[in-house]
Amino acid sequence: MKKQPTTEQLEQIRDQLREEIREARGTLKDLRAEIRTARRLLPELAAERISSEVATQLARLGDATTTAMEAAVNRVNAKFDELYDIITGQDHASRRAGEPSIPDLIRARAQVDREEL
């Protein structure tokens, strides 16, 4: 047969349970405070992360744009150099064909105009 707890034992158990409930409530209060803090910090942390990623992607885009611009400028400069060679008769095709350069044509025209005067 089981022995019934005494009043003193029951009071002791009650006091222990109250203490454990008090600790649980304190822990629950701390947990709720941590949840509030996390909810407050989450948007800030997300904003920092997004900001960091945007900065990284912008830097990559800037590098790619700079590279593309330099390539485009080099192509344009090469075309201008080609046009200069054609105009001055220094290009290979004009020299092989024996065609006079534009400056030579201008000089010849000026000579003809002087002779007509």
N, C-alpha and C. Protein backbone atom coordinates (compact mmCIF):
# COMPACT_ATOMS: atom_id res chain seq x y z
N MET A 1 0.80 -1.17 0.00
CA MET A 1 0.00 0.00 0.00
C MET A 1 0.86 1.26 0.00
N LYS A 2 0.40 2.24 -0.80
CA LYS A 2 1.18 3.46 -0.90
C LYS A 2 0.86 4.37 0.24
N LYS A 3 1.89 5.05 0.63
CA LYS A 3 1.77 5.97 1.75
C LYS A 3 1.37 7.34 1.22
N GLN A 4 0.43 7.99 1.80
CA GLN A 4 -0.03 9.33 1.41
C GLN A 4 1.00 10.36 1.85
N PRO A 5 1.27 11.38 0.94
CA PRO A 5 2.22 12.41 1.33
C PRO A 5 1.65 13.25 2.48
N THR A 6 2.56 13.73 3.25
CA THR A 6 2.15 14.55 4.38
C THR A 6 1.88 15.97 3.89
N THR A 7 1.24 16.74 4.73
CA THR A 7 0.93 18.13 4.41
C THR A 7 2.21 18.91 4.17
N GLU A 8 3.20 18.62 4.95
CA GLU A 8 4.48 19.31 4.80
C GLU A 8 5.11 18.97 3.44
N GLN A 9 5.04 17.74 3.01
CA GLN A 9 5.57 17.33 1.71
C GLN A 9 4.79 17.98 0.57
N LEU A 10 3.47 18.05 0.73
CA LEU A 10 2.64 18.69 -0.28
C LEU A 10 2.98 20.18 -0.41
N GLU A 11 3.19 20.84 0.72
CA GLU A 11 3.55 22.26 0.70
C GLU A 11 4.91 22.45 0.03
N GLN A 12 5.82 21.53 0.31
CA GLN A 12 7.15 21.60 -0.29
C GLN A 12 7.06 21.41 -1.81
N ILE A 13 6.24 20.46 -2.25
CA ILE A 13 6.03 20.23 -3.68
C ILE A 13 5.39 21.46 -4.32
N ARG A 14 4.38 22.04 -3.63
CA ARG A 14 3.72 23.24 -4.12
C ARG A 14 4.72 24.38 -4.27
N ASP A 15 5.58 24.56 -3.28
CA ASP A 15 6.57 25.64 -3.34
C ASP A 15 7.56 25.41 -4.50
N GLN A 16 7.96 24.15 -4.70
CA GLN A 16 8.85 23.83 -5.81
C GLN A 16 8.18 24.12 -7.16
N LEU A 17 6.92 23.73 -7.26
CA LEU A 17 6.19 23.99 -8.51
C LEU A 17 6.04 25.48 -8.76
N ARG A 18 5.74 26.24 -7.73
CA ARG A 18 5.62 27.69 -7.88
C ARG A 18 6.94 28.30 -8.34
N GLU A 19 8.05 27.82 -7.76
CA GLU A 19 9.36 28.32 -8.15
C GLU A 19 9.65 27.98 -9.61
N GLU A 20 9.33 26.78 -10.03
CA GLU A 20 9.55 26.37 -11.41
C GLU A 20 8.66 27.17 -12.36
N ILE A 21 7.42 27.44 -11.95
CA ILE A 21 6.52 28.25 -12.77
C ILE A 21 7.07 29.67 -12.89
N ARG A 22 7.59 30.21 -11.80
CA ARG A 22 8.18 31.55 -11.82
C ARG A 22 9.39 31.60 -12.77
N GLU A 23 10.23 30.58 -12.70
CA GLU A 23 11.38 30.51 -13.60
C GLU A 23 10.93 30.38 -15.06
N ALA A 24 9.91 29.57 -15.28
CA ALA A 24 9.39 29.39 -16.64
C ALA A 24 8.83 30.70 -17.18
N ARG A 25 8.12 31.44 -16.31
CA ARG A 25 7.59 32.74 -16.74
C ARG A 25 8.71 33.72 -17.05
N GLY A 26 9.75 33.70 -16.23
CA GLY A 26 10.91 34.57 -16.49
C GLY A 26 11.58 34.21 -17.81
N THR A 27 11.73 32.93 -18.04
CA THR A 27 12.33 32.46 -19.29
C THR A 27 11.45 32.84 -20.48
N LEU A 28 10.14 32.69 -20.33
CA LEU A 28 9.21 33.06 -21.38
C LEU A 28 9.28 34.57 -21.66
N LYS A 29 9.40 35.36 -20.61
CA LYS A 29 9.52 36.81 -20.78
C LYS A 29 10.81 37.16 -21.53
N ASP A 30 11.92 36.49 -21.16
CA ASP A 30 13.18 36.72 -21.85
C ASP A 30 13.08 36.31 -23.32
N LEU A 31 12.42 35.17 -23.55
CA LEU A 31 12.26 34.68 -24.92
C LEU A 31 11.44 35.67 -25.75
N ARG A 32 10.38 36.19 -25.19
CA ARG A 32 9.56 37.17 -25.91
C ARG A 32 10.35 38.43 -26.21
N ALA A 33 11.20 38.85 -25.27
CA ALA A 33 12.04 40.03 -25.50
C ALA A 33 13.03 39.77 -26.64
N GLU A 34 13.59 38.58 -26.68
CA GLU A 34 14.51 38.22 -27.76
C GLU A 34 13.79 38.19 -29.11
N ILE A 35 12.57 37.70 -29.11
CA ILE A 35 11.77 37.66 -30.34
C ILE A 35 11.51 39.08 -30.83
N ARG A 36 11.15 39.99 -29.91
CA ARG A 36 10.93 41.39 -30.30
C ARG A 36 12.20 42.00 -30.87
N THR A 37 13.32 41.73 -30.22
CA THR A 37 14.60 42.25 -30.70
C THR A 37 14.91 41.71 -32.10
N ALA A 38 14.70 40.42 -32.30
CA ALA A 38 14.95 39.81 -33.60
C ALA A 38 14.04 40.41 -34.67
N ARG A 39 12.79 40.63 -34.33
CA ARG A 39 11.86 41.23 -35.30
C ARG A 39 12.26 42.65 -35.64
N ARG A 40 12.82 43.36 -34.67
CA ARG A 40 13.26 44.74 -34.92
C ARG A 40 14.54 44.75 -35.76
N LEU A 41 15.44 43.81 -35.51
CA LEU A 41 16.72 43.78 -36.21
C LEU A 41 16.63 43.17 -37.61
N LEU A 42 15.67 42.31 -37.83
CA LEU A 42 15.57 41.61 -39.10
C LEU A 42 15.51 42.56 -40.30
N PRO A 43 14.65 43.58 -40.30
CA PRO A 43 14.64 44.50 -41.45
C PRO A 43 15.97 45.23 -41.63
N GLU A 44 16.63 45.60 -40.53
CA GLU A 44 17.91 46.29 -40.63
C GLU A 44 18.96 45.37 -41.25
N LEU A 45 18.99 44.12 -40.78
CA LEU A 45 19.96 43.17 -41.31
C LEU A 45 19.69 42.86 -42.78
N ALA A 46 18.42 42.74 -43.12
CA ALA A 46 18.05 42.48 -44.51
C ALA A 46 18.45 43.67 -45.39
N ALA A 47 18.22 44.87 -44.89
CA ALA A 47 18.58 46.07 -45.64
C ALA A 47 20.09 46.14 -45.85
N GLU A 48 20.85 45.80 -44.82
CA GLU A 48 22.31 45.79 -44.95
C GLU A 48 22.76 44.76 -45.98
N ARG A 49 22.15 43.60 -45.93
CA ARG A 49 22.51 42.53 -46.86
C ARG A 49 22.18 42.95 -48.30
N ILE A 50 21.00 43.51 -48.49
CA ILE A 50 20.59 43.96 -49.82
C ILE A 50 21.51 45.08 -50.29
N SER A 51 21.82 45.99 -49.42
CA SER A 51 22.69 47.11 -49.76
C SER A 51 24.07 46.60 -50.18
N SER A 52 24.58 45.65 -49.45
CA SER A 52 25.88 45.06 -49.77
C SER A 52 25.85 44.38 -51.13
N GLU A 53 24.80 43.61 -51.38
CA GLU A 53 24.69 42.90 -52.66
C GLU A 53 24.54 43.88 -53.82
N VAL A 54 23.76 44.94 -53.62
CA VAL A 54 23.59 45.96 -54.67
C VAL A 54 24.93 46.62 -54.97
N ALA A 55 25.69 46.95 -53.93
CA ALA A 55 26.99 47.58 -54.13
C ALA A 55 27.93 46.65 -54.91
N THR A 56 27.91 45.38 -54.58
CA THR A 56 28.75 44.40 -55.28
C THR A 56 28.36 44.32 -56.75
N GLN A 57 27.06 44.22 -57.00
CA GLN A 57 26.60 44.10 -58.39
C GLN A 57 26.87 45.38 -59.18
N LEU A 58 26.74 46.54 -58.53
CA LEU A 58 27.04 47.81 -59.21
C LEU A 58 28.51 47.90 -59.56
N ALA A 59 29.36 47.42 -58.67
CA ALA A 59 30.80 47.42 -58.96
C ALA A 59 31.10 46.53 -60.17
N ARG A 60 30.48 45.37 -60.22
CA ARG A 60 30.68 44.47 -61.37
C ARG A 60 30.17 45.12 -62.65
N LEU A 61 28.99 45.75 -62.56
CA LEU A 61 28.43 46.42 -63.73
C LEU A 61 29.34 47.56 -64.18
N GLY A 62 29.87 48.31 -63.23
CA GLY A 62 30.80 49.39 -63.56
C GLY A 62 32.03 48.88 -64.28
N ASP A 63 32.59 47.76 -63.80
CA ASP A 63 33.76 47.18 -64.46
C ASP A 63 33.42 46.73 -65.88
N ALA A 64 32.29 46.07 -66.03
CA ALA A 64 31.88 45.59 -67.35
C ALA A 64 31.63 46.77 -68.30
N THR A 65 31.01 47.83 -67.78
CA THR A 65 30.74 49.01 -68.60
C THR A 65 32.04 49.69 -69.02
N THR A 66 32.97 49.80 -68.10
CA THR A 66 34.26 50.41 -68.42
C THR A 66 34.98 49.61 -69.50
N THR A 67 34.98 48.30 -69.37
CA THR A 67 35.62 47.45 -70.36
C THR A 67 34.95 47.61 -71.73
N ALA A 68 33.62 47.62 -71.74
CA ALA A 68 32.89 47.77 -73.01
C ALA A 68 33.15 49.15 -73.63
N MET A 69 33.20 50.18 -72.80
CA MET A 69 33.46 51.53 -73.32
C MET A 69 34.86 51.62 -73.91
N GLU A 70 35.84 51.04 -73.23
CA GLU A 70 37.21 51.07 -73.75
C GLU A 70 37.30 50.34 -75.08
N ALA A 71 36.62 49.21 -75.18
CA ALA A 71 36.63 48.46 -76.44
C ALA A 71 35.97 49.28 -77.55
N ALA A 72 34.87 49.95 -77.24
CA ALA A 72 34.18 50.77 -78.24
C ALA A 72 35.05 51.94 -78.67
N VAL A 73 35.71 52.59 -77.73
CA VAL A 73 36.59 53.72 -78.06
C VAL A 73 37.74 53.25 -78.94
N ASN A 74 38.28 52.09 -78.62
CA ASN A 74 39.38 51.55 -79.43
C ASN A 74 38.91 51.24 -80.85
N ARG A 75 37.70 50.72 -81.00
CA ARG A 75 37.16 50.45 -82.34
C ARG A 75 36.97 51.75 -83.12
N VAL A 76 36.43 52.77 -82.47
CA VAL A 76 36.21 54.06 -83.13
C VAL A 76 37.56 54.67 -83.53
N ASN A 77 38.53 54.62 -82.63
CA ASN A 77 39.86 55.15 -82.96
C ASN A 77 40.47 54.41 -84.13
N ALA A 78 40.30 53.10 -84.16
CA ALA A 78 40.83 52.31 -85.28
C ALA A 78 40.17 52.73 -86.59
N LYS A 79 38.87 53.00 -86.57
CA LYS A 79 38.17 53.46 -87.78
C LYS A 79 38.68 54.82 -88.22
N PHE A 80 38.89 55.73 -87.25
CA PHE A 80 39.43 57.04 -87.60
C PHE A 80 40.83 56.91 -88.19
N ASP A 81 41.65 56.04 -87.63
CA ASP A 81 42.99 55.81 -88.17
C ASP A 81 42.89 55.27 -89.59
N GLU A 82 41.95 54.37 -89.82
CA GLU A 82 41.74 53.81 -91.16
C GLU A 82 41.31 54.91 -92.14
N LEU A 83 40.37 55.76 -91.70
CA LEU A 83 39.93 56.87 -92.56
C LEU A 83 41.07 57.83 -92.85
N TYR A 84 41.90 58.11 -91.86
CA TYR A 84 43.06 58.99 -92.05
C TYR A 84 44.00 58.41 -93.10
N ASP A 85 44.25 57.10 -92.98
CA ASP A 85 45.13 56.45 -93.96
C ASP A 85 44.53 56.52 -95.36
N ILE A 86 43.22 56.34 -95.48
CA ILE A 86 42.57 56.41 -96.79
C ILE A 86 42.66 57.82 -97.36
N ILE A 87 42.38 58.81 -96.53
CA ILE A 87 42.39 60.20 -96.98
C ILE A 87 43.79 60.63 -97.40
N THR A 88 44.77 60.21 -96.64
CA THR A 88 46.14 60.63 -96.95
C THR A 88 46.82 59.70 -97.95
N GLY A 89 46.12 58.67 -98.39
CA GLY A 89 46.68 57.76 -99.39
C GLY A 89 47.68 56.78 -98.80
N GLN A 90 47.67 56.59 -97.53
CA GLN A 90 48.61 55.70 -96.88
C GLN A 90 48.07 54.29 -96.69
N ASP A 91 46.82 54.06 -97.09
CA ASP A 91 46.27 52.72 -96.94
C ASP A 91 46.83 51.82 -98.04
N HIS A 92 46.88 50.55 -97.78
CA HIS A 92 47.51 49.61 -98.71
C HIS A 92 46.77 49.55 -100.05
N ALA A 93 45.46 49.59 -100.02
CA ALA A 93 44.68 49.48 -101.27
C ALA A 93 44.95 50.66 -102.18
N SER A 94 44.98 51.87 -101.64
CA SER A 94 45.21 53.07 -102.46
C SER A 94 46.62 53.07 -103.02
N ARG A 95 47.59 52.65 -102.23
CA ARG A 95 48.97 52.66 -102.71
C ARG A 95 49.17 51.62 -103.81
N ARG A 96 48.51 50.44 -103.63
CA ARG A 96 48.64 49.40 -104.65
C ARG A 96 47.98 49.85 -105.96
N ALA A 97 46.84 50.56 -105.83
CA ALA A 97 46.12 51.00 -107.03
C ALA A 97 46.78 52.21 -107.67
N GLY A 98 47.70 52.84 -106.96
CA GLY A 98 48.39 54.01 -107.49
C GLY A 98 47.51 55.24 -107.50
N GLU A 99 46.48 55.24 -106.72
CA GLU A 99 45.58 56.40 -106.67
C GLU A 99 46.23 57.51 -105.86
N PRO A 100 46.02 58.77 -106.26
CA PRO A 100 46.59 59.89 -105.49
C PRO A 100 45.80 60.11 -104.19
N SER A 101 46.50 60.64 -103.22
CA SER A 101 45.84 60.93 -101.95
C SER A 101 45.03 62.22 -102.09
N ILE A 102 44.14 62.45 -101.14
CA ILE A 102 43.32 63.67 -101.17
C ILE A 102 44.20 64.91 -101.08
N PRO A 103 45.21 64.93 -100.20
CA PRO A 103 46.07 66.12 -100.20
C PRO A 103 46.75 66.34 -101.56
N ASP A 104 47.16 65.25 -102.22
CA ASP A 104 47.76 65.40 -103.55
C ASP A 104 46.75 65.95 -104.54
N LEU A 105 45.51 65.48 -104.48
CA LEU A 105 44.46 65.98 -105.36
C LEU A 105 44.18 67.46 -105.11
N ILE A 106 44.19 67.86 -103.85
CA ILE A 106 43.95 69.28 -103.51
C ILE A 106 45.09 70.13 -104.05
N ARG A 107 46.33 69.66 -103.87
CA ARG A 107 47.49 70.41 -104.40
C ARG A 107 47.41 70.52 -105.92
N ALA A 108 47.04 69.44 -106.56
CA ALA A 108 46.95 69.46 -108.02
C ALA A 108 45.85 70.42 -108.47
N ARG A 109 44.73 70.40 -107.79
CA ARG A 109 43.63 71.31 -108.14
C ARG A 109 44.04 72.76 -107.92
N ALA A 110 44.75 73.02 -106.82
CA ALA A 110 45.21 74.38 -106.55
C ALA A 110 46.19 74.83 -107.62
N GLN A 111 47.03 73.92 -108.08
CA GLN A 111 47.99 74.26 -109.14
C GLN A 111 47.27 74.59 -110.43
N VAL A 112 46.24 73.81 -110.76
CA VAL A 112 45.47 74.06 -111.98
C VAL A 112 44.77 75.41 -111.86
N ASP A 113 44.20 75.70 -110.70
CA ASP A 113 43.50 76.97 -110.50
C ASP A 113 44.48 78.15 -110.64
N ARG A 114 45.69 77.99 -110.16
CA ARG A 114 46.68 79.06 -110.24
C ARG A 114 47.10 79.29 -111.71
N GLU A 115 47.20 78.19 -112.41
CA GLU A 115 47.61 78.29 -113.81
C GLU A 115 46.52 78.95 -114.67
N GLU A 116 45.29 78.76 -114.30
CA GLU A 116 44.18 79.37 -115.05
C GLU A 116 44.08 80.85 -114.79
N LEU A 117 44.60 81.32 -113.72
CA LEU A 117 44.53 82.74 -113.41
C LEU A 117 45.50 83.50 -114.20
